[in-house]
Amino acid sequence: METAAGFVLLTPAPYLLVAHYLPKRAMCRDDTDRLRGTLDRHLPRHGARPPQH
């Protein structure tokens, strides 16, 4: 999930719940754009089919 202040990343089920928080203030604009691109390529959107590997 992306918030105004950062990114919250959760591990997928059935693994243990692990949350990572990446604050936007620690990244430059290029870093946030690259992270969004990586997430778009590798993570399914809510209600969408997962990517095929």
PDB file of N, CA and C in Angstrom:
ATOM      1  N   MET A   1       0.851  -1.158   0.000  1.00  0.00           N
ATOM      2  CA  MET A   1       0.000   0.000   0.000  1.00  0.00           C
ATOM      3  C   MET A   1       0.904   1.229   0.000  1.00  0.00           C
ATOM      4  N   GLU A   2       0.506   2.219  -0.768  1.00  0.00           N
ATOM      5  CA  GLU A   2       1.234   3.493  -0.766  1.00  0.00           C
ATOM      6  C   GLU A   2       0.394   4.523  -0.027  1.00  0.00           C
ATOM      7  N   THR A   3       1.025   5.233   0.885  1.00  0.00           N
ATOM      8  CA  THR A   3       0.371   6.319   1.600  1.00  0.00           C
ATOM      9  C   THR A   3       1.053   7.628   1.201  1.00  0.00           C
ATOM     10  N   ALA A   4       0.558   8.722   1.693  1.00  0.00           N
ATOM     11  CA  ALA A   4       1.164  10.019   1.393  1.00  0.00           C
ATOM     12  C   ALA A   4       2.581  10.101   1.960  1.00  0.00           C
ATOM     13  N   ALA A   5       2.853   9.371   3.033  1.00  0.00           N
ATOM     14  CA  ALA A   5       4.150   9.461   3.697  1.00  0.00           C
ATOM     15  C   ALA A   5       5.117   8.329   3.355  1.00  0.00           C
ATOM     16  N   GLY A   6       4.609   7.234   2.783  1.00  0.00           N
ATOM     17  CA  GLY A   6       5.522   6.130   2.502  1.00  0.00           C
ATOM     18  C   GLY A   6       4.825   4.920   1.918  1.00  0.00           C
ATOM     19  N   PHE A   7       5.540   3.805   1.917  1.00  0.00           N
ATOM     20  CA  PHE A   7       5.046   2.540   1.398  1.00  0.00           C
ATOM     21  C   PHE A   7       4.993   1.532   2.532  1.00  0.00           C
ATOM     22  N   VAL A   8       3.909   0.770   2.598  1.00  0.00           N
ATOM     23  CA  VAL A   8       3.760  -0.302   3.578  1.00  0.00           C
ATOM     24  C   VAL A   8       3.732  -1.607   2.782  1.00  0.00           C
ATOM     25  N   LEU A   9       4.680  -2.485   3.044  1.00  0.00           N
ATOM     26  CA  LEU A   9       4.781  -3.764   2.346  1.00  0.00           C
ATOM     27  C   LEU A   9       4.526  -4.890   3.345  1.00  0.00           C
ATOM     28  N   LEU A  10       3.661  -5.833   2.977  1.00  0.00           N
ATOM     29  CA  LEU A  10       3.327  -6.966   3.832  1.00  0.00           C
ATOM     30  C   LEU A  10       3.715  -8.253   3.128  1.00  0.00           C
ATOM     31  N   THR A  11       4.113  -9.262   3.900  1.00  0.00           N
ATOM     32  CA  THR A  11       4.401 -10.569   3.315  1.00  0.00           C
ATOM     33  C   THR A  11       3.077 -11.230   2.938  1.00  0.00           C
ATOM     34  N   PRO A  12       3.089 -12.057   1.895  1.00  0.00           N
ATOM     35  CA  PRO A  12       1.844 -12.720   1.488  1.00  0.00           C
ATOM     36  C   PRO A  12       1.504 -13.890   2.403  1.00  0.00           C
ATOM     37  N   ALA A  13       0.217 -14.234   2.454  1.00  0.00           N
ATOM     38  CA  ALA A  13      -0.218 -15.419   3.193  1.00  0.00           C
ATOM     39  C   ALA A  13       0.343 -16.642   2.474  1.00  0.00           C
ATOM     40  N   PRO A  14       0.640 -17.701   3.093  1.00  0.00           N
ATOM     41  CA  PRO A  14       0.398 -18.107   4.473  1.00  0.00           C
ATOM     42  C   PRO A  14       1.600 -17.873   5.382  1.00  0.00           C
ATOM     43  N   TYR A  15       2.535 -17.041   4.977  1.00  0.00           N
ATOM     44  CA  TYR A  15       3.731 -16.792   5.770  1.00  0.00           C
ATOM     45  C   TYR A  15       3.414 -15.942   6.995  1.00  0.00           C
ATOM     46  N   LEU A  16       4.364 -15.858   7.902  1.00  0.00           N
ATOM     47  CA  LEU A  16       4.198 -15.001   9.072  1.00  0.00           C
ATOM     48  C   LEU A  16       3.979 -13.570   8.628  1.00  0.00           C
ATOM     49  N   LEU A  17       3.207 -12.830   9.370  1.00  0.00           N
ATOM     50  CA  LEU A  17       2.955 -11.436   9.034  1.00  0.00           C
ATOM     51  C   LEU A  17       4.197 -10.608   9.325  1.00  0.00           C
ATOM     52  N   VAL A  18       4.749 -10.035   8.286  1.00  0.00           N
ATOM     53  CA  VAL A  18       5.896  -9.141   8.426  1.00  0.00           C
ATOM     54  C   VAL A  18       5.558  -7.865   7.674  1.00  0.00           C
ATOM     55  N   ALA A  19       5.723  -6.739   8.320  1.00  0.00           N
ATOM     56  CA  ALA A  19       5.441  -5.451   7.693  1.00  0.00           C
ATOM     57  C   ALA A  19       6.739  -4.669   7.567  1.00  0.00           C
ATOM     58  N   HIS A  20       6.920  -4.075   6.407  1.00  0.00           N
ATOM     59  CA  HIS A  20       8.057  -3.187   6.166  1.00  0.00           C
ATOM     60  C   HIS A  20       7.494  -1.823   5.825  1.00  0.00           C
ATOM     61  N   TYR A  21       8.052  -0.788   6.416  1.00  0.00           N
ATOM     62  CA  TYR A  21       7.622   0.573   6.114  1.00  0.00           C
ATOM     63  C   TYR A  21       8.793   1.315   5.494  1.00  0.00           C
ATOM     64  N   LEU A  22       8.577   1.869   4.313  1.00  0.00           N
ATOM     65  CA  LEU A  22       9.598   2.646   3.617  1.00  0.00           C
ATOM     66  C   LEU A  22       9.123   4.089   3.534  1.00  0.00           C
ATOM     67  N   PRO A  23       9.689   4.989   4.336  1.00  0.00           N
ATOM     68  CA  PRO A  23       9.242   6.382   4.297  1.00  0.00           C
ATOM     69  C   PRO A  23       9.716   7.080   3.022  1.00  0.00           C
ATOM     70  N   LYS A  24       8.830   7.869   2.440  1.00  0.00           N
ATOM     71  CA  LYS A  24       9.176   8.595   1.213  1.00  0.00           C
ATOM     72  C   LYS A  24      10.257   9.643   1.461  1.00  0.00           C
ATOM     73  N   ARG A  25      10.335  10.157   2.671  1.00  0.00           N
ATOM     74  CA  ARG A  25      11.341  11.189   2.961  1.00  0.00           C
ATOM     75  C   ARG A  25      12.767  10.643   2.851  1.00  0.00           C
ATOM     76  N   ALA A  26      12.904   9.306   2.885  1.00  0.00           N
ATOM     77  CA  ALA A  26      14.219   8.675   2.776  1.00  0.00           C
ATOM     78  C   ALA A  26      14.592   8.372   1.327  1.00  0.00           C
ATOM     79  N   MET A  27      13.682   8.675   0.384  1.00  0.00           N
ATOM     80  CA  MET A  27      13.920   8.372  -1.029  1.00  0.00           C
ATOM     81  C   MET A  27      13.770   9.630  -1.873  1.00  0.00           C
ATOM     82  N   CYS A  28      14.525   9.682  -2.974  1.00  0.00           N
ATOM     83  CA  CYS A  28      14.324  10.775  -3.920  1.00  0.00           C
ATOM     84  C   CYS A  28      13.197  10.388  -4.867  1.00  0.00           C
ATOM     85  N   ARG A  29      12.762  11.320  -5.706  1.00  0.00           N
ATOM     86  CA  ARG A  29      11.642  11.080  -6.619  1.00  0.00           C
ATOM     87  C   ARG A  29      11.909   9.876  -7.545  1.00  0.00           C
ATOM     88  N   ASP A  30      13.142   9.767  -8.063  1.00  0.00           N
ATOM     89  CA  ASP A  30      13.485   8.634  -8.935  1.00  0.00           C
ATOM     90  C   ASP A  30      13.344   7.304  -8.197  1.00  0.00           C
ATOM     91  N   ASP A  31      13.726   7.270  -6.919  1.00  0.00           N
ATOM     92  CA  ASP A  31      13.609   6.042  -6.123  1.00  0.00           C
ATOM     93  C   ASP A  31      12.151   5.627  -5.955  1.00  0.00           C
ATOM     94  N   THR A  32      11.276   6.587  -5.657  1.00  0.00           N
ATOM     95  CA  THR A  32       9.862   6.253  -5.480  1.00  0.00           C
ATOM     96  C   THR A  32       9.249   5.780  -6.799  1.00  0.00           C
ATOM     97  N   ASP A  33       9.645   6.395  -7.917  1.00  0.00           N
ATOM     98  CA  ASP A  33       9.147   5.960  -9.227  1.00  0.00           C
ATOM     99  C   ASP A  33       9.611   4.546  -9.553  1.00  0.00           C
ATOM    100  N   ARG A  34      10.878   4.224  -9.249  1.00  0.00           N
ATOM    101  CA  ARG A  34      11.390   2.872  -9.492  1.00  0.00           C
ATOM    102  C   ARG A  34      10.683   1.847  -8.605  1.00  0.00           C
ATOM    103  N   LEU A  35      10.443   2.206  -7.354  1.00  0.00           N
ATOM    104  CA  LEU A  35       9.733   1.298  -6.445  1.00  0.00           C
ATOM    105  C   LEU A  35       8.319   1.050  -6.942  1.00  0.00           C
ATOM    106  N   ARG A  36       7.608   2.094  -7.362  1.00  0.00           N
ATOM    107  CA  ARG A  36       6.264   1.914  -7.919  1.00  0.00           C
ATOM    108  C   ARG A  36       6.297   0.984  -9.132  1.00  0.00           C
ATOM    109  N   GLY A  37       7.279   1.173 -10.007  1.00  0.00           N
ATOM    110  CA  GLY A  37       7.407   0.318 -11.184  1.00  0.00           C
ATOM    111  C   GLY A  37       7.654  -1.131 -10.823  1.00  0.00           C
ATOM    112  N   THR A  38       8.525  -1.354  -9.850  1.00  0.00           N
ATOM    113  CA  THR A  38       8.813  -2.721  -9.400  1.00  0.00           C
ATOM    114  C   THR A  38       7.563  -3.364  -8.803  1.00  0.00           C
ATOM    115  N   LEU A  39       6.845  -2.630  -7.982  1.00  0.00           N
ATOM    116  CA  LEU A  39       5.630  -3.161  -7.377  1.00  0.00           C
ATOM    117  C   LEU A  39       4.575  -3.449  -8.443  1.00  0.00           C
ATOM    118  N   ASP A  40       4.442  -2.565  -9.431  1.00  0.00           N
ATOM    119  CA  ASP A  40       3.471  -2.781 -10.508  1.00  0.00           C
ATOM    120  C   ASP A  40       3.787  -4.038 -11.306  1.00  0.00           C
ATOM    121  N   ARG A  41       5.058  -4.305 -11.536  1.00  0.00           N
ATOM    122  CA  ARG A  41       5.458  -5.482 -12.326  1.00  0.00           C
ATOM    123  C   ARG A  41       5.326  -6.787 -11.563  1.00  0.00           C
ATOM    124  N   HIS A  42       5.521  -6.762 -10.252  1.00  0.00           N
ATOM    125  CA  HIS A  42       5.637  -8.014  -9.495  1.00  0.00           C
ATOM    126  C   HIS A  42       4.500  -8.321  -8.537  1.00  0.00           C
ATOM    127  N   LEU A  43       3.635  -7.362  -8.261  1.00  0.00           N
ATOM    128  CA  LEU A  43       2.563  -7.610  -7.303  1.00  0.00           C
ATOM    129  C   LEU A  43       1.205  -7.438  -7.955  1.00  0.00           C
ATOM    130  N   PRO A  44       0.261  -8.335  -7.645  1.00  0.00           N
ATOM    131  CA  PRO A  44      -1.083  -8.177  -8.193  1.00  0.00           C
ATOM    132  C   PRO A  44      -1.810  -7.021  -7.518  1.00  0.00           C
ATOM    133  N   ARG A  45      -2.636  -6.369  -8.274  1.00  0.00           N
ATOM    134  CA  ARG A  45      -3.502  -5.329  -7.714  1.00  0.00           C
ATOM    135  C   ARG A  45      -4.675  -6.010  -7.029  1.00  0.00           C
ATOM    136  N   HIS A  46      -5.314  -5.326  -6.106  1.00  0.00           N
ATOM    137  CA  HIS A  46      -6.468  -5.867  -5.410  1.00  0.00           C
ATOM    138  C   HIS A  46      -7.523  -6.275  -6.431  1.00  0.00           C
ATOM    139  N   GLY A  47      -7.908  -7.548  -6.410  1.00  0.00           N
ATOM    140  CA  GLY A  47      -8.920  -8.040  -7.319  1.00  0.00           C
ATOM    141  C   GLY A  47      -8.371  -8.489  -8.671  1.00  0.00           C
ATOM    142  N   ALA A  48      -7.092  -8.287  -8.916  1.00  0.00           N
ATOM    143  CA  ALA A  48      -6.508  -8.689 -10.194  1.00  0.00           C
ATOM    144  C   ALA A  48      -5.854 -10.056 -10.074  1.00  0.00           C
ATOM    145  N   ARG A  49      -5.620 -10.684 -11.210  1.00  0.00           N
ATOM    146  CA  ARG A  49      -4.924 -11.979 -11.223  1.00  0.00           C
ATOM    147  C   ARG A  49      -3.439 -11.763 -10.952  1.00  0.00           C
ATOM    148  N   PRO A  50      -2.786 -12.674 -10.235  1.00  0.00           N
ATOM    149  CA  PRO A  50      -1.354 -12.530  -9.979  1.00  0.00           C
ATOM    150  C   PRO A  50      -0.560 -12.675 -11.272  1.00  0.00           C
ATOM    151  N   PRO A  51       0.622 -12.038 -11.350  1.00  0.00           N
ATOM    152  CA  PRO A  51       1.445 -12.158 -12.554  1.00  0.00           C
ATOM    153  C   PRO A  51       1.948 -13.578 -12.751  1.00  0.00           C
ATOM    154  N   GLN A  52       2.119 -13.986 -13.994  1.00  0.00           N
ATOM    155  CA  GLN A  52       2.655 -15.305 -14.325  1.00  0.00           C
ATOM    156  C   GLN A  52       4.174 -15.223 -14.399  1.00  0.00           C
ATOM    157  N   HIS A  53       4.872 -16.159 -13.760  1.00  0.00           N
ATOM    158  CA  HIS A  53       6.344 -16.175 -13.787  1.00  0.00           C
ATOM    159  C   HIS A  53       6.830 -17.340 -14.594  1.00  0.00           C
TER     160      HIS A  53
END
